[in-house]
Amino acid sequence: MSKIKLTTVRFKGTTEQEKKLRAELRAIKEMPGNLMPALQTAQEIYGYLPIEVQKIVAEELNVPLEEVFGVATFYSQFSLNPKGEHAVAVCLGTACYVKGSGDVFNKLAAELGLSDGATTSDGKFSLCSTRCIGCCGLAPVMTIGDDVYGKLSPADVPGILAKYRD
């Protein structure tokens, strides 16, 4: 079982975001199976699901906070931590891993000073490991936002990151 990493970044939600979320949740409340669409909506509005947002969801849907947290932590589509301006993901699926993606991931972690699932203190980069992203022919592969980089080696990492550091 993996550890849940909670952020130490201060929550910066706005009044406008909260009003929008509450309005959306009132519309979703009567739907059967409303918790998943509620959390998806909340993550679209805030970009992640901090405890403050989970409390709003629990309150508006009249469900226990523990249930909201359980769903938010069970499904990989949800994030409890804010994503960086540049979300870096490294495929550790079988094809990529056997071609060295573990070394690429370790180089990225060292270059960014991050562990898996973490975000830099300036909010510029976040790093996460993923499983197959469907680019096995380019193994090993990483993405930065919508940009895909394939046939990587650890030596490629500094040059790629330099494009996003400016």
Protein backbone atom coordinates (compact mmCIF):
# COMPACT_ATOMS: atom_id res chain seq x y z
CA MET A 1 0.00 0.00 0.00
CA SER A 2 1.43 3.39 -0.96
CA LYS A 3 1.72 6.28 1.43
CA ILE A 4 -0.53 9.27 0.96
CA LYS A 5 1.50 12.43 0.62
CA LEU A 6 -0.18 15.54 1.91
CA THR A 7 0.98 18.95 0.82
CA THR A 8 2.47 21.61 3.03
CA VAL A 9 1.56 24.28 0.48
CA ARG A 10 -0.89 26.80 1.91
CA PHE A 11 -4.38 26.57 0.39
CA LYS A 12 -5.11 29.58 -1.80
CA GLY A 13 -8.71 29.06 -2.88
CA THR A 14 -10.76 32.12 -3.78
CA THR A 15 -14.28 33.14 -2.86
CA GLU A 16 -15.21 32.90 -6.53
CA GLN A 17 -13.96 29.31 -6.72
CA GLU A 18 -15.93 28.36 -3.63
CA LYS A 19 -19.13 29.97 -4.95
CA LYS A 20 -18.71 28.16 -8.26
CA LEU A 21 -18.07 24.82 -6.55
CA ARG A 22 -21.05 25.16 -4.22
CA ALA A 23 -23.34 26.03 -7.14
CA GLU A 24 -22.08 23.05 -9.16
CA LEU A 25 -22.45 20.73 -6.17
CA ARG A 26 -26.06 21.82 -5.61
CA ALA A 27 -26.77 20.76 -9.21
CA ILE A 28 -24.93 17.45 -8.76
CA LYS A 29 -26.37 16.64 -5.31
CA GLU A 30 -29.49 14.86 -6.57
CA MET A 31 -27.65 12.65 -9.08
CA PRO A 32 -27.19 8.99 -8.17
CA GLY A 33 -23.50 8.25 -7.57
CA ASN A 34 -22.81 11.96 -7.15
CA LEU A 35 -19.50 11.78 -5.29
CA MET A 36 -17.29 11.00 -8.31
CA PRO A 37 -18.69 13.82 -10.49
CA ALA A 38 -18.54 16.14 -7.47
CA LEU A 39 -14.85 15.43 -6.93
CA GLN A 40 -14.12 15.71 -10.65
CA THR A 41 -15.84 19.11 -10.70
CA ALA A 42 -13.97 20.24 -7.59
CA GLN A 43 -10.63 19.22 -9.09
CA GLU A 44 -11.47 21.05 -12.34
CA ILE A 45 -12.14 24.22 -10.35
CA TYR A 46 -9.18 24.05 -7.94
CA GLY A 47 -6.71 21.83 -9.80
CA TYR A 48 -6.45 19.47 -6.82
CA LEU A 49 -8.44 18.34 -3.77
CA PRO A 50 -7.04 19.84 -0.55
CA ILE A 51 -8.87 19.06 2.69
CA GLU A 52 -10.61 22.45 2.56
CA VAL A 53 -12.25 21.49 -0.73
CA GLN A 54 -13.08 17.99 0.47
CA LYS A 55 -14.92 19.55 3.44
CA ILE A 56 -17.05 21.65 1.07
CA VAL A 57 -17.91 18.55 -0.98
CA ALA A 58 -18.83 16.60 2.17
CA GLU A 59 -20.96 19.45 3.47
CA GLU A 60 -22.82 20.11 0.21
CA LEU A 61 -23.47 16.42 -0.54
CA ASN A 62 -24.20 15.60 3.11
CA VAL A 63 -21.72 12.72 3.17
CA PRO A 64 -19.02 12.01 5.77
CA LEU A 65 -15.66 13.65 5.13
CA GLU A 66 -14.08 10.20 5.56
CA GLU A 67 -16.03 8.95 2.53
CA VAL A 68 -14.93 11.92 0.43
CA PHE A 69 -11.30 11.40 1.48
CA GLY A 70 -11.55 7.66 0.79
CA VAL A 71 -12.72 8.20 -2.78
CA ALA A 72 -10.25 11.06 -3.37
CA THR A 73 -7.34 8.86 -2.30
CA PHE A 74 -8.51 5.65 -3.97
CA TYR A 75 -8.69 6.90 -7.56
CA SER A 76 -5.46 7.98 -9.25
CA GLN A 77 -7.28 10.67 -11.26
CA PHE A 78 -7.52 12.76 -8.09
CA SER A 79 -4.67 14.68 -6.52
CA LEU A 80 -4.44 15.93 -2.94
CA ASN A 81 -1.48 18.10 -3.86
CA PRO A 82 -1.27 21.04 -6.23
CA LYS A 83 0.36 20.33 -9.55
CA GLY A 84 3.25 22.47 -10.68
CA GLU A 85 3.05 24.86 -13.57
CA HIS A 86 4.95 22.13 -15.43
CA ALA A 87 3.70 18.65 -14.52
CA VAL A 88 6.47 16.14 -15.22
CA ALA A 89 5.44 12.48 -15.49
CA VAL A 90 7.75 9.54 -16.14
CA CYS A 91 6.39 6.23 -17.36
CA LEU A 92 7.56 3.36 -15.19
CA GLY A 93 5.52 0.76 -17.09
CA THR A 94 7.29 -2.41 -18.16
CA ALA A 95 8.50 -1.32 -21.63
CA CYS A 96 9.85 1.98 -20.32
CA TYR A 97 11.27 0.53 -17.14
CA VAL A 98 13.33 -2.15 -18.86
CA LYS A 99 14.77 0.57 -21.11
CA GLY A 100 15.89 2.73 -18.18
CA SER A 101 13.00 4.97 -17.14
CA GLY A 102 13.85 4.35 -13.47
CA ASP A 103 17.20 6.07 -14.04
CA VAL A 104 15.48 8.93 -15.90
CA PHE A 105 13.05 9.33 -13.00
CA ASN A 106 15.90 9.36 -10.48
CA LYS A 107 17.76 12.01 -12.50
CA LEU A 108 14.62 14.17 -12.63
CA ALA A 109 14.07 13.74 -8.90
CA ALA A 110 17.65 14.82 -8.22
CA GLU A 111 17.53 17.77 -10.65
CA LEU A 112 14.23 19.05 -9.25
CA GLY A 113 14.86 18.08 -5.62
CA LEU A 114 11.52 16.25 -5.54
CA SER A 115 10.11 12.92 -4.51
CA ASP A 116 7.32 11.17 -6.37
CA GLY A 117 4.09 13.18 -6.15
CA ALA A 118 5.74 16.36 -4.90
CA THR A 119 5.82 19.93 -6.20
CA THR A 120 8.66 22.44 -6.00
CA SER A 121 8.17 25.17 -3.38
CA ASP A 122 7.91 27.79 -6.13
CA GLY A 123 5.11 25.82 -7.80
CA LYS A 124 7.04 25.57 -11.06
CA PHE A 125 7.41 21.76 -11.33
CA SER A 126 5.65 18.68 -10.04
CA LEU A 127 6.94 15.14 -10.51
CA CYS A 128 5.04 11.89 -10.64
CA SER A 129 5.60 8.36 -11.80
CA THR A 130 2.98 6.84 -14.06
CA ARG A 131 2.30 3.53 -15.68
CA CYS A 132 1.91 2.98 -19.41
CA ILE A 133 1.02 6.14 -21.32
CA GLY A 134 0.76 4.36 -24.66
CA CYS A 135 4.09 5.35 -26.20
CA CYS A 136 5.95 2.07 -25.73
CA GLY A 137 7.72 2.42 -29.07
CA LEU A 138 9.42 5.56 -27.69
CA ALA A 139 10.50 3.98 -24.40
CA PRO A 140 11.61 5.34 -22.05
CA VAL A 141 9.09 8.19 -22.11
CA MET A 142 8.25 11.22 -20.01
CA THR A 143 5.78 14.03 -20.45
CA ILE A 144 5.90 17.64 -19.37
CA GLY A 145 2.38 18.93 -19.71
CA ASP A 146 1.31 17.96 -23.23
CA ASP A 147 4.89 17.57 -24.50
CA VAL A 148 6.13 13.98 -24.94
CA TYR A 149 9.82 13.07 -24.79
CA GLY A 150 10.95 9.61 -25.82
CA LYS A 151 14.04 7.45 -26.16
CA LEU A 152 15.46 9.21 -23.14
CA SER A 153 18.57 8.78 -21.10
CA PRO A 154 19.38 10.49 -17.80
CA ALA A 155 21.81 12.73 -19.70
CA ASP A 156 18.85 14.25 -21.61
CA VAL A 157 17.12 15.50 -18.47
CA PRO A 158 19.02 18.78 -17.75
CA GLY A 159 18.59 20.04 -21.33
CA ILE A 160 14.89 19.24 -21.38
CA LEU A 161 14.27 20.91 -18.02
CA ALA A 162 16.17 24.01 -19.14
CA LYS A 163 13.42 24.69 -21.71
CA TYR A 164 10.89 25.02 -18.90
CA ARG A 165 12.99 26.85 -16.34
CA ASP A 166 13.01 30.18 -18.16
